[in-house]
Amino acid sequence: MEIIQVENVTKTYKIGEVETHALNGVSLAVEQGEFAALVGPSGSGKTTLLQLIGVLDKPNSGIVKINGQDVTNLKANKRADLRKEEIGFIFQFFALIPVLNAYENVELPLLLNGVAAKERKERTLSLLDAVGLADRAKHRPDQMSGGEQQRVAIARALAPEPLMVLADEPTANLDTANGEQAMDIMKRLNEETGTAFIFATHDPRVMDYARRVVTMQDGRIIDNGAAG
């Protein structure tokens, strides 16, 4: 089942008199449960495409569908609801809330989605255990290593039981051991939950883990990869 359908999208950014064509007629379909990487040089369009899939931006033309729903021109509040309920995000710089501990960071999206207290606690503790941080639940981000912070971010992204998790350069600020540990955890959780993971990356380590590699260049997809 296709959970993402991007159809002939274009995206142009204009700064002053300069126009940058970030995407030029890109089409992509992603199946439920995929573990895929968008790769290509800087300026290839992979982060822009990830932002369109994550309903963080709109294309200038073309269509973006999530789970069969055309989200191209959704109003801001509907887009926010979709992100909150169906899309988890993992960022290069972790983006944890500094004043919240690991437990509270993972619990936050469940609070925002109105999940009952008992279920919030069960799901939060289960996810912290799944990423190997049950014993660090009360630690704030400044009391954790970069690898630990990224594992909290992975748990937080999965807390709402989303349709997909989008990760922009998730290993860029991690050393080799922590990067591999993060990828091992995401691959295992992808297999256990059926949640699709889509990465934008320069990192050969991430490409090696991906079951599908989509190659981009100059705002176009030049190799659609093969779903594994």
Protein backbone atom coordinates (compact mmCIF):
# COMPACT_ATOMS: atom_id res chain seq x y z
CA MET A 1 0.00 0.00 0.00
CA GLU A 2 1.36 3.41 -1.00
CA ILE A 3 1.38 5.85 1.92
CA ILE A 4 3.13 8.67 0.05
CA GLN A 5 2.47 9.81 -3.50
CA VAL A 6 4.37 12.78 -4.87
CA GLU A 7 3.24 13.64 -8.38
CA ASN A 8 5.23 15.95 -10.67
CA VAL A 9 6.04 18.50 -7.97
CA THR A 10 8.07 21.64 -8.49
CA LYS A 11 9.46 23.97 -5.82
CA THR A 12 11.13 27.30 -6.46
CA TYR A 13 12.60 29.61 -3.84
CA LYS A 14 13.06 33.31 -4.64
CA ILE A 15 15.49 35.49 -2.68
CA GLY A 16 15.57 38.99 -4.11
CA GLU A 17 16.00 38.62 -7.85
CA VAL A 18 17.50 35.14 -7.61
CA GLU A 19 15.32 32.08 -8.20
CA THR A 20 16.44 28.62 -7.10
CA HIS A 21 14.64 25.67 -8.64
CA ALA A 22 14.86 23.15 -5.80
CA LEU A 23 12.58 20.52 -7.35
CA ASN A 24 11.83 20.08 -11.05
CA GLY A 25 8.96 17.69 -11.78
CA VAL A 26 9.65 15.11 -9.07
CA SER A 27 7.43 12.06 -8.67
CA LEU A 28 7.87 9.44 -5.95
CA ALA A 29 5.77 6.73 -4.32
CA VAL A 30 6.61 5.18 -0.94
CA GLU A 31 5.09 1.98 0.38
CA GLN A 32 4.01 1.28 3.95
CA GLY A 33 6.92 0.07 6.09
CA GLU A 34 9.72 1.17 3.76
CA PHE A 35 13.21 2.00 5.05
CA ALA A 36 14.42 4.40 2.38
CA ALA A 37 17.15 6.99 1.88
CA LEU A 38 17.05 10.11 -0.29
CA VAL A 39 20.64 10.76 -1.35
CA GLY A 40 22.49 13.22 -3.53
CA PRO A 41 24.87 16.18 -3.35
CA SER A 42 24.03 19.43 -1.54
CA GLY A 43 21.43 21.30 -3.57
CA SER A 44 20.02 18.12 -5.12
CA GLY A 45 16.59 18.70 -3.56
CA LYS A 46 16.45 15.86 -1.04
CA THR A 47 15.73 18.04 2.02
CA THR A 48 13.12 20.03 0.08
CA LEU A 49 11.41 16.80 -0.94
CA LEU A 50 11.48 15.58 2.67
CA GLN A 51 9.85 18.85 3.76
CA LEU A 52 7.05 18.45 1.21
CA ILE A 53 6.42 14.86 2.32
CA GLY A 54 6.37 16.08 5.93
CA VAL A 55 3.79 18.77 5.06
CA LEU A 56 6.22 21.43 6.30
CA ASP A 57 6.08 23.24 2.95
CA LYS A 58 3.94 23.35 -0.19
CA PRO A 59 5.01 22.78 -3.79
CA ASN A 60 4.60 25.47 -6.44
CA SER A 61 2.90 22.87 -8.61
CA GLY A 62 2.11 19.16 -8.52
CA ILE A 63 0.38 17.02 -5.89
CA VAL A 64 1.40 15.47 -2.57
CA LYS A 65 -0.79 12.72 -1.13
CA ILE A 66 -0.41 11.14 2.32
CA ASN A 67 -2.30 7.90 2.87
CA GLY A 68 -4.45 8.68 -0.16
CA GLN A 69 -5.36 12.20 0.98
CA ASP A 70 -4.35 15.17 -1.16
CA VAL A 71 -2.48 17.41 1.32
CA THR A 72 -1.10 19.87 -1.23
CA ASN A 73 -3.36 22.77 -0.29
CA LEU A 74 -4.49 21.87 3.22
CA LYS A 75 -5.01 24.80 5.58
CA ALA A 76 -2.34 25.41 8.22
CA ASN A 77 -4.31 23.89 11.12
CA LYS A 78 -5.08 20.73 9.14
CA ARG A 79 -1.43 20.41 8.16
CA ALA A 80 -0.40 20.78 11.79
CA ASP A 81 -2.90 18.07 12.84
CA LEU A 82 -1.55 15.73 10.16
CA ARG A 83 2.04 16.23 11.30
CA LYS A 84 1.06 15.77 14.94
CA GLU A 85 -0.76 12.49 14.36
CA GLU A 86 0.83 10.80 11.34
CA ILE A 87 4.41 12.04 10.92
CA GLY A 88 7.37 11.71 13.27
CA PHE A 89 10.48 13.85 12.78
CA ILE A 90 14.12 13.21 13.68
CA PHE A 91 16.47 16.17 13.26
CA GLN A 92 20.21 16.49 12.76
CA PHE A 93 20.58 18.52 15.96
CA PHE A 94 18.15 16.35 17.99
CA ALA A 95 15.77 19.30 18.77
CA LEU A 96 14.92 18.09 22.26
CA ILE A 97 13.37 20.58 24.70
CA PRO A 98 16.22 21.47 27.08
CA VAL A 99 14.12 21.94 30.24
CA LEU A 100 12.37 18.56 29.85
CA ASN A 101 13.93 15.25 30.79
CA ALA A 102 14.02 12.25 28.45
CA TYR A 103 10.68 10.89 29.70
CA GLU A 104 8.97 14.27 29.28
CA ASN A 105 10.41 14.81 25.80
CA VAL A 106 9.04 11.46 24.63
CA GLU A 107 5.71 11.99 26.39
CA LEU A 108 5.14 15.47 24.93
CA PRO A 109 3.60 14.46 21.56
CA LEU A 110 1.23 12.13 23.42
CA LEU A 111 0.12 15.01 25.64
CA LEU A 112 -0.47 17.15 22.55
CA ASN A 113 -2.54 14.35 21.00
CA GLY A 114 -4.69 13.97 24.13
CA VAL A 115 -3.60 10.41 24.95
CA ALA A 116 -4.84 9.25 28.37
CA ALA A 117 -2.35 9.30 31.27
CA LYS A 118 -2.09 5.52 31.70
CA GLU A 119 -1.43 4.92 28.01
CA ARG A 120 1.03 7.83 27.89
CA LYS A 121 3.07 6.32 30.69
CA GLU A 122 3.05 2.81 29.21
CA ARG A 123 3.99 3.99 25.73
CA THR A 124 6.70 6.39 26.93
CA LEU A 125 8.38 3.82 29.19
CA SER A 126 8.14 1.16 26.49
CA LEU A 127 9.82 3.40 23.91
CA LEU A 128 12.58 4.50 26.28
CA ASP A 129 13.24 0.82 26.97
CA ALA A 130 13.22 0.07 23.24
CA VAL A 131 15.98 2.62 22.62
CA GLY A 132 17.98 1.46 25.66
CA LEU A 133 17.38 4.51 27.83
CA ALA A 134 15.00 3.32 30.54
CA ASP A 135 17.65 4.18 33.14
CA ARG A 136 18.09 7.71 31.74
CA ALA A 137 14.42 8.72 31.84
CA LYS A 138 14.95 11.51 34.37
CA HIS A 139 18.00 13.02 32.67
CA ARG A 140 17.74 16.29 30.73
CA PRO A 141 19.40 16.68 27.30
CA ASP A 142 22.43 18.50 28.79
CA GLN A 143 23.04 15.43 30.96
CA MET A 144 23.13 13.05 27.98
CA SER A 145 25.57 12.34 25.18
CA GLY A 146 24.75 13.13 21.57
CA GLY A 147 24.00 9.47 20.90
CA GLU A 148 21.63 9.32 23.85
CA GLN A 149 19.87 12.50 22.76
CA GLN A 150 19.33 11.08 19.27
CA ARG A 151 17.88 7.91 20.77
CA VAL A 152 15.44 10.04 22.79
CA ALA A 153 14.54 11.81 19.54
CA ILE A 154 13.87 8.45 17.88
CA ALA A 155 11.59 7.43 20.76
CA ARG A 156 9.77 10.78 20.60
CA ALA A 157 9.23 10.45 16.84
CA LEU A 158 7.61 7.05 17.31
CA ALA A 159 5.48 8.00 20.34
CA PRO A 160 2.33 8.97 18.39
CA GLU A 161 2.53 5.66 16.43
CA PRO A 162 2.89 7.59 13.17
CA LEU A 163 2.47 6.41 9.63
CA MET A 164 6.04 7.47 8.88
CA VAL A 165 9.17 8.94 10.42
CA LEU A 166 11.21 11.48 8.45
CA ALA A 167 14.85 12.00 9.36
CA ASP A 168 17.09 14.76 7.97
CA GLU A 169 20.78 13.80 8.29
CA PRO A 170 20.13 11.82 11.50
CA THR A 171 23.74 10.66 11.90
CA ALA A 172 25.54 13.87 10.90
CA ASN A 173 26.40 14.85 14.48
CA LEU A 174 27.17 11.35 15.74
CA ASP A 175 30.43 9.44 15.77
CA THR A 176 30.63 6.09 13.99
CA ALA A 177 29.58 3.93 16.95
CA ASN A 178 26.63 6.13 17.94
CA GLY A 179 25.55 6.55 14.33
CA GLU A 180 25.47 2.80 13.81
CA GLN A 181 23.64 2.28 17.09
CA ALA A 182 20.98 4.83 16.07
CA MET A 183 20.55 3.15 12.68
CA ASP A 184 20.35 -0.32 14.27
CA ILE A 185 17.59 0.93 16.59
CA MET A 186 15.63 2.58 13.76
CA LYS A 187 15.91 -0.49 11.55
CA ARG A 188 14.69 -2.75 14.36
CA LEU A 189 11.78 -0.45 15.22
CA ASN A 190 10.87 -0.18 11.54
CA GLU A 191 10.64 -3.97 11.38
CA GLU A 192 8.74 -4.26 14.67
CA THR A 193 6.22 -1.44 14.13
CA GLY A 194 5.81 -1.30 10.35
CA THR A 195 6.38 2.45 10.46
CA ALA A 196 8.06 3.77 7.31
CA PHE A 197 11.37 5.58 7.75
CA ILE A 198 12.64 8.02 5.13
CA PHE A 199 16.07 9.63 5.48
CA ALA A 200 17.70 12.54 3.67
CA THR A 201 21.41 11.88 3.98
CA HIS A 202 24.96 12.23 2.72
CA ASP A 203 26.14 9.44 5.03
CA PRO A 204 27.24 6.17 3.35
CA ARG A 205 26.40 4.37 6.62
CA VAL A 206 22.73 5.34 6.27
CA MET A 207 22.71 4.29 2.62
CA ASP A 208 24.08 0.88 3.61
CA TYR A 209 21.20 0.36 6.05
CA ALA A 210 18.49 1.53 3.65
CA ARG A 211 16.49 -1.08 1.76
CA ARG A 212 15.81 1.49 -0.96
CA VAL A 213 18.08 4.32 -2.10
CA VAL A 214 16.52 7.16 -4.13
CA THR A 215 19.21 9.27 -5.83
CA MET A 216 18.61 12.95 -6.57
CA GLN A 217 20.53 15.49 -8.63
CA ASP A 218 19.70 19.07 -9.66
CA GLY A 219 16.16 18.88 -8.31
CA ARG A 220 15.28 15.63 -10.06
CA ILE A 221 15.20 11.95 -9.17
CA ILE A 222 17.75 10.18 -11.35
CA ASP A 223 17.36 6.73 -9.75
CA ASN A 224 14.15 5.68 -8.02
CA GLY A 225 15.84 2.80 -6.23
CA ALA A 226 14.24 -0.56 -5.66
CA ALA A 227 11.93 -1.25 -2.72
CA GLY A 228 13.27 -4.11 -0.60
